[in-house]
N, C-alpha and C. Protein backbone atom coordinates (compact mmCIF):
# COMPACT_ATOMS: atom_id res chain seq x y z
N MET A 1 74.81 123.19 -37.72
CA MET A 1 75.36 122.03 -37.86
C MET A 1 76.68 122.04 -36.93
N GLN A 2 76.91 121.14 -35.99
CA GLN A 2 77.97 120.85 -35.08
C GLN A 2 79.17 120.71 -35.94
N GLN A 3 80.39 121.28 -35.95
CA GLN A 3 81.31 121.18 -36.76
C GLN A 3 82.75 120.90 -35.89
N LYS A 4 83.20 119.53 -36.07
CA LYS A 4 84.42 119.07 -35.43
C LYS A 4 85.61 119.87 -36.04
N ARG A 5 86.78 119.65 -35.30
CA ARG A 5 87.89 120.14 -35.78
C ARG A 5 88.49 119.25 -37.04
N VAL A 6 88.84 120.08 -38.01
CA VAL A 6 89.31 119.30 -39.31
C VAL A 6 90.64 119.84 -39.61
N SER A 7 91.25 118.96 -40.36
CA SER A 7 92.63 119.26 -40.93
C SER A 7 92.81 120.47 -41.79
N GLU A 8 93.95 120.99 -41.91
CA GLU A 8 94.16 122.10 -42.83
C GLU A 8 94.04 121.79 -44.06
N ALA A 9 94.32 120.55 -44.55
CA ALA A 9 94.42 120.02 -45.84
C ALA A 9 92.97 119.98 -46.30
N VAL A 10 91.85 119.60 -45.40
CA VAL A 10 90.54 119.57 -45.80
C VAL A 10 89.88 120.91 -46.14
N ILE A 11 90.33 121.95 -45.14
CA ILE A 11 89.96 123.31 -45.29
C ILE A 11 90.37 123.81 -46.84
N ARG A 12 91.65 123.61 -47.01
CA ARG A 12 92.37 123.98 -48.34
C ARG A 12 91.33 123.64 -49.50
N ARG A 13 90.73 122.22 -49.37
CA ARG A 13 89.97 121.57 -50.48
C ARG A 13 88.70 122.27 -50.46
N LEU A 14 88.07 122.79 -49.47
CA LEU A 14 86.75 123.26 -49.41
C LEU A 14 86.49 124.27 -50.55
N PRO A 15 87.31 125.34 -50.76
CA PRO A 15 87.22 126.38 -51.86
C PRO A 15 87.11 125.66 -53.16
N LYS A 16 87.89 124.62 -53.41
CA LYS A 16 87.94 124.00 -54.63
C LYS A 16 86.68 123.33 -54.98
N TYR A 17 86.23 122.58 -53.87
CA TYR A 17 84.83 122.01 -53.96
C TYR A 17 83.89 123.06 -54.51
N TYR A 18 83.88 124.29 -53.80
CA TYR A 18 82.89 125.19 -53.96
C TYR A 18 82.85 125.79 -55.33
N ARG A 19 84.25 125.99 -55.72
CA ARG A 19 84.27 126.48 -57.26
C ARG A 19 83.76 125.47 -58.14
N ASN A 20 84.02 124.30 -58.13
CA ASN A 20 83.50 123.21 -58.99
C ASN A 20 82.10 123.14 -58.86
N LEU A 21 81.44 123.43 -57.70
CA LEU A 21 80.07 123.19 -57.59
C LEU A 21 79.37 124.46 -58.22
N LEU A 22 79.97 125.65 -58.27
CA LEU A 22 79.50 126.78 -58.97
C LEU A 22 79.40 126.53 -60.29
N SER A 23 80.54 125.92 -60.79
CA SER A 23 80.35 125.64 -62.27
C SER A 23 79.50 124.58 -62.49
N LEU A 24 79.24 123.67 -61.83
CA LEU A 24 78.11 122.60 -62.07
C LEU A 24 76.67 123.19 -62.06
N GLU A 25 76.56 124.14 -61.12
CA GLU A 25 75.23 124.91 -61.05
C GLU A 25 75.05 125.61 -62.21
N ALA A 26 76.09 126.30 -62.73
CA ALA A 26 75.93 127.29 -63.97
C ALA A 26 75.72 126.27 -65.12
N LEU A 27 76.06 125.11 -65.26
CA LEU A 27 75.72 124.21 -66.37
C LEU A 27 74.20 123.83 -66.16
N GLY A 28 73.58 123.86 -64.99
CA GLY A 28 72.45 123.35 -64.85
C GLY A 28 72.40 121.81 -64.29
N THR A 29 73.52 121.38 -63.77
CA THR A 29 73.70 120.15 -63.01
C THR A 29 72.88 119.97 -61.70
N GLU A 30 72.09 119.12 -61.78
CA GLU A 30 71.35 118.95 -60.44
C GLU A 30 71.91 118.02 -59.38
N ARG A 31 72.49 116.91 -59.91
CA ARG A 31 72.93 115.81 -58.93
C ARG A 31 74.44 115.48 -59.37
N ILE A 32 75.24 115.06 -58.44
CA ILE A 32 76.56 114.62 -58.76
C ILE A 32 76.97 113.51 -57.75
N SER A 33 77.66 112.37 -58.25
CA SER A 33 78.13 111.50 -57.40
C SER A 33 79.42 111.92 -56.95
N SER A 34 79.96 111.20 -55.78
CA SER A 34 81.34 111.48 -55.17
C SER A 34 82.29 111.11 -56.24
N SER A 35 82.03 110.19 -57.08
CA SER A 35 83.04 109.73 -58.15
C SER A 35 83.02 110.70 -59.16
N GLU A 36 81.81 111.39 -59.63
CA GLU A 36 82.03 112.40 -60.68
C GLU A 36 82.74 113.66 -60.00
N LEU A 37 82.62 114.00 -59.05
CA LEU A 37 83.10 115.04 -58.31
C LEU A 37 84.62 114.94 -58.16
N ALA A 38 84.90 113.90 -57.65
CA ALA A 38 86.28 113.34 -57.56
C ALA A 38 87.03 113.64 -58.82
N ALA A 39 86.46 113.08 -59.82
CA ALA A 39 87.14 113.12 -61.16
C ALA A 39 87.40 114.50 -61.71
N ARG A 40 86.48 115.44 -61.45
CA ARG A 40 86.58 116.89 -61.65
C ARG A 40 87.67 117.42 -60.96
N MET A 41 88.01 116.94 -59.63
CA MET A 41 89.10 117.64 -58.85
C MET A 41 90.31 116.72 -58.73
N ARG A 42 90.20 115.64 -59.55
CA ARG A 42 91.41 114.79 -59.49
C ARG A 42 91.72 114.27 -58.17
N LEU A 43 90.62 113.90 -57.50
CA LEU A 43 90.86 113.22 -56.17
C LEU A 43 90.29 111.80 -56.20
N ASN A 44 90.46 110.98 -55.09
CA ASN A 44 89.96 109.74 -54.80
C ASN A 44 88.47 109.93 -54.49
N PRO A 45 87.57 109.21 -54.91
CA PRO A 45 86.02 109.24 -54.36
C PRO A 45 86.02 109.20 -52.78
N SER A 46 86.91 108.28 -52.30
CA SER A 46 86.77 108.04 -50.93
C SER A 46 87.24 109.26 -50.13
N GLN A 47 88.13 110.09 -50.70
CA GLN A 47 88.71 111.31 -50.23
C GLN A 47 87.55 112.29 -50.12
N VAL A 48 86.81 112.37 -51.10
CA VAL A 48 85.66 113.31 -51.20
C VAL A 48 84.68 113.02 -50.10
N ARG A 49 84.40 111.65 -49.84
CA ARG A 49 83.33 111.29 -48.90
C ARG A 49 83.89 111.61 -47.54
N GLN A 50 85.36 111.45 -47.37
CA GLN A 50 85.90 111.53 -46.09
C GLN A 50 85.87 113.03 -45.53
N ASP A 51 86.23 113.91 -46.57
CA ASP A 51 86.22 115.17 -46.41
C ASP A 51 84.87 115.94 -45.89
N PHE A 52 83.65 115.44 -46.44
CA PHE A 52 82.24 115.60 -46.38
C PHE A 52 81.91 115.09 -44.93
N ASN A 53 82.60 113.96 -44.78
CA ASN A 53 82.00 113.38 -43.57
C ASN A 53 82.70 114.10 -42.29
N CYS A 54 83.69 114.92 -42.30
CA CYS A 54 84.13 115.84 -41.39
C CYS A 54 83.05 116.71 -40.90
N PHE A 55 82.01 117.00 -41.81
CA PHE A 55 80.96 118.12 -41.32
C PHE A 55 79.63 117.39 -41.36
N GLY A 56 79.66 115.96 -41.15
CA GLY A 56 78.48 115.29 -41.05
C GLY A 56 77.90 114.62 -42.25
N GLY A 57 78.72 114.72 -43.34
CA GLY A 57 78.11 114.05 -44.75
C GLY A 57 77.07 114.74 -45.27
N PHE A 58 76.93 114.92 -46.56
CA PHE A 58 75.92 115.62 -47.20
C PHE A 58 74.89 114.94 -48.21
N GLY A 59 75.47 113.69 -48.52
CA GLY A 59 74.69 112.94 -49.56
C GLY A 59 73.87 111.62 -49.06
N GLN A 60 73.53 110.92 -50.10
CA GLN A 60 72.69 109.67 -49.66
C GLN A 60 73.33 108.59 -50.47
N GLN A 61 73.52 107.26 -49.73
CA GLN A 61 74.06 106.44 -50.41
C GLN A 61 73.39 105.97 -51.85
N GLY A 62 74.28 106.00 -52.78
CA GLY A 62 73.65 105.52 -54.01
C GLY A 62 72.89 106.63 -54.62
N TYR A 63 72.84 107.65 -54.04
CA TYR A 63 71.93 108.86 -54.56
C TYR A 63 72.57 110.00 -54.97
N GLY A 64 73.98 110.31 -54.37
CA GLY A 64 74.75 111.28 -54.70
C GLY A 64 74.40 112.60 -53.89
N TYR A 65 74.94 113.64 -54.52
CA TYR A 65 74.64 114.96 -53.87
C TYR A 65 73.82 115.87 -54.62
N ASN A 66 73.02 116.62 -54.00
CA ASN A 66 72.08 117.65 -54.68
C ASN A 66 73.21 118.97 -54.82
N VAL A 67 73.50 119.21 -56.09
CA VAL A 67 74.50 120.34 -56.32
C VAL A 67 74.14 121.57 -55.58
N LYS A 68 72.85 122.08 -55.54
CA LYS A 68 72.57 123.49 -55.20
C LYS A 68 72.58 123.25 -53.48
N THR A 69 72.25 122.15 -52.97
CA THR A 69 72.25 121.74 -51.47
C THR A 69 73.74 121.75 -51.03
N LEU A 70 74.56 121.15 -51.85
CA LEU A 70 75.79 120.96 -51.25
C LEU A 70 76.68 122.26 -51.57
N LEU A 71 76.34 123.10 -52.33
CA LEU A 71 76.99 124.45 -52.67
C LEU A 71 76.48 125.18 -51.43
N ASP A 72 75.23 125.32 -50.95
CA ASP A 72 74.85 126.09 -49.95
C ASP A 72 75.60 125.69 -48.46
N GLN A 73 75.57 124.34 -48.47
CA GLN A 73 76.21 123.81 -47.14
C GLN A 73 77.70 123.95 -47.04
N ILE A 74 78.45 124.16 -48.02
CA ILE A 74 79.81 124.39 -48.19
C ILE A 74 79.99 125.81 -47.88
N ARG A 75 79.13 126.75 -48.56
CA ARG A 75 79.15 128.25 -48.45
C ARG A 75 79.01 128.60 -46.76
N LYS A 76 78.02 127.82 -46.09
CA LYS A 76 77.73 128.01 -44.57
C LYS A 76 79.15 127.77 -43.76
N ILE A 77 79.78 126.42 -44.40
CA ILE A 77 80.97 126.34 -43.78
C ILE A 77 82.09 127.19 -43.86
N LEU A 78 82.19 127.75 -45.09
CA LEU A 78 83.25 128.70 -45.22
C LEU A 78 83.14 130.01 -44.56
N THR A 79 81.85 130.47 -44.72
CA THR A 79 81.39 131.81 -44.18
C THR A 79 80.22 131.83 -43.38
N ASP A 80 79.85 132.75 -42.56
CA ASP A 80 78.85 132.90 -41.77
C ASP A 80 77.64 133.68 -42.48
N ASP A 81 77.96 134.02 -43.74
CA ASP A 81 76.95 134.93 -44.44
C ASP A 81 76.96 136.43 -44.10
N THR A 82 77.81 136.79 -43.17
CA THR A 82 78.04 138.09 -42.88
C THR A 82 78.79 139.11 -43.96
N ARG A 83 78.19 140.16 -44.36
CA ARG A 83 78.82 141.04 -45.18
C ARG A 83 80.23 141.62 -44.52
N HIS A 84 81.31 141.52 -45.42
CA HIS A 84 82.49 141.92 -44.78
C HIS A 84 83.04 143.22 -45.58
N THR A 85 83.72 144.17 -44.99
CA THR A 85 84.28 145.11 -45.43
C THR A 85 85.75 145.14 -45.45
N ALA A 86 86.46 145.54 -46.68
CA ALA A 86 87.98 145.47 -46.70
C ALA A 86 88.58 146.77 -47.29
N ILE A 87 89.81 146.84 -46.86
CA ILE A 87 90.72 147.75 -47.53
C ILE A 87 91.78 147.12 -48.27
N VAL A 88 92.50 147.95 -49.14
CA VAL A 88 93.67 147.43 -49.74
C VAL A 88 94.70 148.44 -49.62
N ILE A 89 95.98 147.87 -49.17
CA ILE A 89 97.08 148.70 -48.90
C ILE A 89 98.03 148.34 -50.13
N GLY A 90 98.18 149.44 -50.93
CA GLY A 90 98.89 149.58 -52.05
C GLY A 90 97.99 149.80 -53.33
N ALA A 91 98.15 150.88 -54.13
CA ALA A 91 97.23 151.22 -55.16
C ALA A 91 98.01 150.90 -56.42
N GLY A 92 99.06 150.14 -56.52
CA GLY A 92 99.73 149.87 -57.70
C GLY A 92 98.97 148.74 -58.64
N HIS A 93 99.87 147.94 -59.40
CA HIS A 93 99.25 147.11 -60.41
C HIS A 93 98.22 146.09 -59.74
N ILE A 94 98.62 145.49 -58.62
CA ILE A 94 98.02 144.35 -58.10
C ILE A 94 97.01 145.05 -57.17
N GLY A 95 97.31 146.15 -56.54
CA GLY A 95 96.15 146.63 -55.60
C GLY A 95 95.04 147.16 -56.51
N GLN A 96 95.19 147.82 -57.78
CA GLN A 96 94.37 148.26 -58.51
C GLN A 96 93.53 147.07 -59.16
N ALA A 97 94.18 145.88 -59.49
CA ALA A 97 93.49 144.89 -60.00
C ALA A 97 92.49 144.27 -59.25
N LEU A 98 93.10 144.27 -57.80
CA LEU A 98 92.07 143.82 -56.87
C LEU A 98 90.88 144.59 -56.71
N ALA A 99 90.98 145.80 -56.87
CA ALA A 99 89.81 146.75 -56.79
C ALA A 99 88.74 146.32 -57.80
N PHE A 100 89.24 145.76 -58.91
CA PHE A 100 88.27 145.50 -59.87
C PHE A 100 87.88 144.13 -59.96
N PHE A 101 88.18 143.24 -58.96
CA PHE A 101 87.98 141.80 -58.81
C PHE A 101 86.54 141.65 -58.42
N GLU A 102 85.75 140.97 -59.37
CA GLU A 102 84.14 140.90 -59.12
C GLU A 102 83.91 139.73 -58.26
N GLY A 103 84.86 138.91 -57.92
CA GLY A 103 84.64 137.77 -56.84
C GLY A 103 84.29 138.48 -55.55
N PHE A 104 84.88 139.55 -55.22
CA PHE A 104 84.63 140.05 -53.78
C PHE A 104 83.04 140.07 -53.57
N GLU A 105 82.23 140.64 -54.41
CA GLU A 105 80.74 140.83 -54.02
C GLU A 105 80.06 139.56 -53.89
N ARG A 106 80.48 138.71 -54.83
CA ARG A 106 79.87 137.19 -54.84
C ARG A 106 80.05 136.62 -53.50
N ASP A 107 81.32 136.93 -52.96
CA ASP A 107 81.65 136.04 -51.73
C ASP A 107 81.43 137.02 -50.39
N GLY A 108 80.61 138.22 -50.78
CA GLY A 108 80.25 139.03 -49.60
C GLY A 108 81.26 139.95 -49.08
N VAL A 109 82.19 140.31 -49.69
CA VAL A 109 83.16 141.33 -49.33
C VAL A 109 83.07 142.55 -50.32
N SER A 110 83.13 143.79 -49.57
CA SER A 110 83.01 144.88 -50.22
C SER A 110 84.16 145.87 -49.87
N VAL A 111 85.13 146.15 -50.79
CA VAL A 111 86.25 147.01 -50.87
C VAL A 111 85.91 148.46 -50.71
N ARG A 112 86.42 149.07 -49.65
CA ARG A 112 85.82 150.48 -49.43
C ARG A 112 86.96 151.38 -49.84
N ALA A 113 88.11 151.15 -49.77
CA ALA A 113 89.25 152.25 -49.98
C ALA A 113 90.64 151.49 -50.28
N LEU A 114 91.55 152.26 -50.95
CA LEU A 114 92.77 151.75 -51.00
C LEU A 114 93.76 152.84 -50.20
N PHE A 115 94.97 152.43 -49.95
CA PHE A 115 95.93 153.18 -49.29
C PHE A 115 97.30 153.16 -49.98
N ASP A 116 97.92 154.18 -49.92
CA ASP A 116 99.20 154.33 -50.62
C ASP A 116 99.91 155.49 -49.97
N ILE A 117 101.43 155.48 -50.36
CA ILE A 117 101.90 156.77 -49.98
C ILE A 117 102.50 157.71 -51.19
N ASP A 118 102.23 157.13 -52.42
CA ASP A 118 102.59 157.85 -53.44
C ASP A 118 101.41 159.07 -53.77
N GLU A 119 102.10 160.15 -53.71
CA GLU A 119 101.30 161.29 -53.76
C GLU A 119 100.54 161.44 -55.27
N ARG A 120 101.14 160.75 -56.17
CA ARG A 120 100.60 160.78 -57.52
C ARG A 120 99.24 159.99 -57.61
N VAL A 121 98.91 159.18 -56.62
CA VAL A 121 97.67 158.32 -56.64
C VAL A 121 96.74 158.64 -55.60
N VAL A 122 97.40 158.90 -54.39
CA VAL A 122 96.68 159.63 -53.31
C VAL A 122 95.66 160.69 -53.66
N GLY A 123 94.44 160.52 -53.35
CA GLY A 123 93.46 161.37 -53.73
C GLY A 123 92.59 161.11 -55.21
N THR A 124 93.09 160.27 -55.71
CA THR A 124 92.47 159.72 -56.88
C THR A 124 91.39 158.53 -56.66
N GLN A 125 90.86 157.89 -57.44
CA GLN A 125 89.79 156.82 -57.33
C GLN A 125 90.36 155.63 -58.30
N VAL A 126 90.05 154.42 -57.81
CA VAL A 126 90.20 153.19 -58.59
C VAL A 126 89.01 152.38 -58.44
N ASN A 127 88.19 152.27 -59.61
CA ASN A 127 86.95 151.68 -59.69
C ASN A 127 85.96 152.05 -58.65
N GLY A 128 85.88 153.56 -58.50
CA GLY A 128 84.92 154.16 -57.63
C GLY A 128 85.46 154.21 -56.15
N ARG A 129 86.65 153.52 -55.81
CA ARG A 129 86.99 153.39 -54.33
C ARG A 129 88.25 154.77 -54.18
N PRO A 130 88.01 155.33 -53.18
CA PRO A 130 89.16 156.40 -53.17
C PRO A 130 90.54 155.80 -52.48
N VAL A 131 91.47 156.44 -53.03
CA VAL A 131 92.96 156.30 -52.74
C VAL A 131 93.20 157.30 -51.66
N LEU A 132 93.52 156.67 -50.45
CA LEU A 132 93.95 157.62 -49.33
C LEU A 132 95.22 157.27 -48.93
N HIS A 133 95.87 158.35 -48.11
CA HIS A 133 97.47 158.08 -47.61
C HIS A 133 97.35 157.39 -46.54
N VAL A 134 98.46 156.53 -46.35
CA VAL A 134 98.45 155.38 -45.13
C VAL A 134 98.50 156.28 -43.84
N ASP A 135 98.71 157.39 -43.82
CA ASP A 135 98.59 157.98 -42.41
C ASP A 135 97.34 158.01 -42.00
N ALA A 136 96.45 157.89 -42.86
CA ALA A 136 94.78 157.87 -42.25
C ALA A 136 94.25 156.36 -41.95
N LEU A 137 95.02 155.56 -42.08
CA LEU A 137 94.84 154.02 -42.13
C LEU A 137 94.13 153.72 -40.91
N GLU A 138 94.83 153.96 -39.77
CA GLU A 138 93.98 153.54 -38.43
C GLU A 138 92.66 154.18 -38.34
N ASP A 139 92.50 155.52 -38.50
CA ASP A 139 91.32 156.12 -38.23
C ASP A 139 90.27 155.73 -39.15
N TYR A 140 90.50 155.26 -40.37
CA TYR A 140 89.60 154.85 -41.30
C TYR A 140 89.11 153.47 -41.00
N ILE A 141 89.94 152.62 -40.54
CA ILE A 141 89.61 151.22 -40.10
C ILE A 141 88.56 151.40 -38.86
N ARG A 142 88.87 152.23 -38.09
CA ARG A 142 88.07 152.36 -36.80
C ARG A 142 86.54 153.10 -37.17
N GLU A 143 86.75 154.04 -37.90
CA GLU A 143 85.46 154.88 -38.19
C GLU A 143 84.43 154.20 -39.24
N ASN A 144 85.18 153.15 -40.14
CA ASN A 144 84.23 152.51 -41.03
C ASN A 144 84.08 150.82 -40.71
N ASP A 145 84.47 150.47 -39.58
CA ASP A 145 84.52 149.24 -39.19
C ASP A 145 84.87 148.25 -40.10
N ILE A 146 85.95 148.40 -40.51
CA ILE A 146 86.69 147.60 -41.64
C ILE A 146 87.17 146.28 -40.87
N ASP A 147 87.05 145.20 -41.57
CA ASP A 147 87.51 143.81 -40.72
C ASP A 147 88.48 143.08 -41.62
N ILE A 148 88.64 143.24 -42.94
CA ILE A 148 89.44 142.66 -43.59
C ILE A 148 90.77 143.66 -44.30
N GLY A 149 91.96 143.38 -44.18
CA GLY A 149 93.02 144.04 -44.83
C GLY A 149 93.51 143.33 -45.81
N ILE A 150 93.63 144.14 -46.88
CA ILE A 150 94.50 143.36 -48.25
C ILE A 150 95.66 143.92 -48.43
N ILE A 151 96.89 143.24 -48.50
CA ILE A 151 98.24 143.71 -48.65
C ILE A 151 98.71 143.58 -50.14
N ALA A 152 98.69 144.59 -50.82
CA ALA A 152 99.37 144.45 -52.13
C ALA A 152 100.46 145.49 -52.38
N ALA A 153 101.25 145.59 -51.23
CA ALA A 153 102.64 146.65 -51.41
C ALA A 153 103.58 145.74 -51.28
N ARG A 154 104.75 146.42 -51.15
CA ARG A 154 106.08 145.68 -51.32
C ARG A 154 106.25 145.10 -50.10
N ARG A 155 107.25 144.22 -50.06
CA ARG A 155 107.38 143.07 -49.05
C ARG A 155 108.00 143.86 -47.79
N SER A 156 108.68 144.87 -47.88
CA SER A 156 109.40 145.49 -46.77
C SER A 156 108.23 146.10 -45.67
N VAL A 157 107.03 146.47 -46.08
CA VAL A 157 105.98 147.10 -45.18
C VAL A 157 105.02 146.09 -44.84
N ALA A 158 105.03 144.79 -45.29
CA ALA A 158 103.91 143.83 -45.19
C ALA A 158 103.76 143.60 -43.60
N GLN A 159 104.72 143.28 -42.76
CA GLN A 159 104.70 143.09 -41.47
C GLN A 159 104.16 144.18 -40.55
N GLY A 160 104.68 145.36 -41.07
CA GLY A 160 104.33 146.68 -40.33
C GLY A 160 103.00 147.08 -40.63
N MET A 161 102.48 146.80 -41.84
CA MET A 161 101.11 147.01 -41.99
C MET A 161 100.09 146.09 -41.35
N THR A 162 100.61 144.74 -41.36
CA THR A 162 99.73 143.89 -40.72
C THR A 162 99.51 144.34 -39.18
N GLU A 163 100.56 144.75 -38.55
CA GLU A 163 100.57 145.01 -37.23
C GLU A 163 99.76 146.35 -36.83
N ARG A 164 99.93 147.36 -37.80
CA ARG A 164 99.07 148.53 -37.61
C ARG A 164 97.50 148.19 -37.88
N MET A 165 97.11 147.56 -38.94
CA MET A 165 95.84 146.99 -39.02
C MET A 165 95.22 146.24 -37.97
N ALA A 166 96.10 145.26 -37.31
CA ALA A 166 95.71 144.35 -36.40
C ALA A 166 95.16 145.19 -35.20
N ALA A 167 96.19 146.19 -35.01
CA ALA A 167 96.01 147.30 -33.72
C ALA A 167 94.86 147.97 -33.90
N ALA A 168 94.46 148.23 -35.15
CA ALA A 168 93.15 149.19 -35.33
C ALA A 168 91.95 148.50 -35.18
N GLY A 169 92.03 147.22 -35.33
CA GLY A 169 90.64 146.27 -35.25
C GLY A 169 90.49 145.42 -36.37
N ILE A 170 91.46 145.35 -37.29
CA ILE A 170 91.17 144.47 -38.56
C ILE A 170 91.05 143.08 -37.88
N LYS A 171 90.04 142.18 -38.52
CA LYS A 171 90.01 140.74 -38.09
C LYS A 171 90.73 139.83 -38.83
N GLY A 172 91.15 140.15 -40.08
CA GLY A 172 91.93 139.15 -40.94
C GLY A 172 92.82 139.76 -42.02
N VAL A 173 93.81 139.26 -42.40
CA VAL A 173 94.62 139.85 -43.35
C VAL A 173 94.93 138.78 -44.62
N TRP A 174 94.74 139.53 -45.82
CA TRP A 174 94.72 138.71 -47.04
C TRP A 174 96.27 139.21 -47.68
N ASN A 175 97.07 138.46 -47.84
CA ASN A 175 98.61 139.08 -47.98
C ASN A 175 98.99 138.71 -49.31
N PHE A 176 99.23 139.57 -50.33
CA PHE A 176 99.81 139.45 -51.45
C PHE A 176 101.48 139.69 -51.70
N ALA A 177 101.85 140.28 -50.52
CA ALA A 177 103.33 140.65 -50.74
C ALA A 177 104.14 139.43 -50.43
N PRO A 178 105.25 139.28 -51.22
CA PRO A 178 106.11 138.15 -51.12
C PRO A 178 106.99 138.03 -49.83
N GLU A 179 106.14 138.04 -48.62
CA GLU A 179 106.77 137.96 -47.42
C GLU A 179 105.84 137.21 -46.50
N ASP A 180 106.30 136.56 -45.59
CA ASP A 180 105.41 135.72 -44.53
C ASP A 180 105.26 136.76 -43.40
N VAL A 181 104.23 137.05 -43.00
CA VAL A 181 103.89 138.02 -41.92
C VAL A 181 103.42 137.13 -40.61
N ILE A 182 103.65 137.48 -39.42
CA ILE A 182 103.24 137.03 -38.10
C ILE A 182 102.36 137.76 -37.57
N SER A 183 101.25 137.37 -37.13
CA SER A 183 100.20 137.99 -36.28
C SER A 183 99.30 137.06 -35.52
N ASP A 184 98.47 137.72 -34.51
CA ASP A 184 97.64 136.93 -33.83
C ASP A 184 96.24 136.73 -34.56
N ILE A 185 96.09 137.63 -35.46
CA ILE A 185 94.71 137.53 -36.26
C ILE A 185 95.05 136.61 -37.53
N PRO A 186 94.01 135.98 -38.20
CA PRO A 186 94.28 135.16 -39.31
C PRO A 186 94.92 135.93 -40.41
N VAL A 187 95.85 135.26 -41.08
CA VAL A 187 96.57 135.55 -42.16
C VAL A 187 96.61 134.66 -43.29
N GLU A 188 96.15 134.93 -44.49
CA GLU A 188 96.19 134.15 -45.65
C GLU A 188 97.20 134.85 -46.70
N SER A 189 98.17 134.21 -46.97
CA SER A 189 99.18 134.66 -47.87
C SER A 189 99.08 134.01 -49.24
N VAL A 190 99.17 134.86 -50.22
CA VAL A 190 99.00 134.29 -51.73
C VAL A 190 100.40 134.88 -52.28
N ASN A 191 101.39 133.88 -52.52
CA ASN A 191 102.61 134.30 -52.95
C ASN A 191 102.60 133.98 -54.50
N LEU A 192 102.60 134.82 -55.43
CA LEU A 192 102.52 134.54 -56.75
C LEU A 192 103.94 134.01 -57.13
N SER A 193 105.11 134.35 -56.77
CA SER A 193 106.27 133.72 -57.01
C SER A 193 106.35 132.22 -56.58
N ASP A 194 105.94 131.88 -55.50
CA ASP A 194 105.91 130.38 -55.11
C ASP A 194 105.17 129.72 -56.10
N SER A 195 103.95 130.25 -56.38
CA SER A 195 103.11 129.56 -57.27
C SER A 195 103.91 129.31 -58.73
N LEU A 196 104.44 130.36 -59.29
CA LEU A 196 105.29 130.46 -60.42
C LEU A 196 106.21 129.35 -60.30
N LEU A 197 107.05 129.37 -59.27
CA LEU A 197 108.13 128.36 -59.29
C LEU A 197 107.56 126.94 -59.36
N CYS A 198 106.40 126.66 -58.57
CA CYS A 198 105.89 125.37 -58.69
C CYS A 198 105.48 124.98 -60.02
N LEU A 199 105.06 125.89 -60.70
CA LEU A 199 104.48 125.63 -62.02
C LEU A 199 105.90 125.40 -62.88
N LEU A 200 106.84 126.13 -62.77
CA LEU A 200 108.15 125.68 -63.45
C LEU A 200 108.74 124.55 -63.19
N PHE A 201 108.58 124.16 -62.01
CA PHE A 201 109.21 122.81 -61.47
C PHE A 201 108.28 121.59 -62.16
N HIS A 202 107.04 121.73 -62.19
CA HIS A 202 106.30 120.67 -62.95
C HIS A 202 106.51 120.62 -64.39
N MET A 203 106.48 121.85 -64.93
CA MET A 203 107.00 121.88 -66.36
C MET A 203 108.34 121.30 -66.69
N LYS A 204 109.21 121.41 -65.83
CA LYS A 204 110.56 120.84 -66.00
C LYS A 204 110.62 119.15 -65.87
N ASN A 205 109.87 118.83 -64.91
CA ASN A 205 109.85 117.39 -64.61
C ASN A 205 108.77 116.50 -65.38
N ASP A 206 107.72 117.32 -65.88
CA ASP A 206 106.90 116.61 -66.67
C ASP A 206 107.57 116.36 -68.05
N ALA A 207 108.32 117.35 -68.53
CA ALA A 207 109.13 117.15 -69.73
C ALA A 207 110.15 116.11 -69.67
N LYS A 208 110.76 115.81 -68.52
CA LYS A 208 111.74 114.76 -68.46
C LYS A 208 110.96 113.47 -68.32
N ASP A 209 109.66 113.38 -67.88
CA ASP A 209 108.92 112.11 -67.89
C ASP A 209 108.60 111.76 -69.04
N GLU A 210 108.33 112.77 -69.90
CA GLU A 210 107.98 112.58 -71.46
C GLU A 210 108.95 111.97 -72.25
N ALA A 211 110.17 112.34 -71.71
CA ALA A 211 111.45 112.24 -72.76
C ALA A 211 111.77 110.69 -72.89
């Protein structure tokens, strides 16, 4: 499928479509209309159709979308079905939680190892993955053809770790440190504090609206 350039806003909605379609598939739903899908996602039906038209459109007028087919098509847009290998920088609470995250295997990502500087955890295992010292980082990336680096370490090391991983051949970084990093390779940051503050904002303002 020839894919034209699409906005970042559309790209950000694709995983949400994907997640909702996974739920629909699990419920045994075979077909869904743009109106029904929009209602699940709190969008306008025209927005759903416009988003899908960026990729050629997937439904038929008056017939809706086949859930399994749409799920497969969005999966192909988001990923090329290549199995990816990943490492986690930081074996603290977040790093260990990520090592147990079941969604990795579903989405074709295999976490191979964790890295830390704490001698109390270096040499141990987390969910069957070895915890190695960061001194071995570059060699491990090159020798094991690792293409995703996940940062779950303190903010002061995020930029440096990104640079080291990129220089060693990492293709993309998933950053959980509360620090924006700059790199020539793709970086996706998940800032838990930002998300929490947005929640607190909505709670405060929704309470005002109801008063």
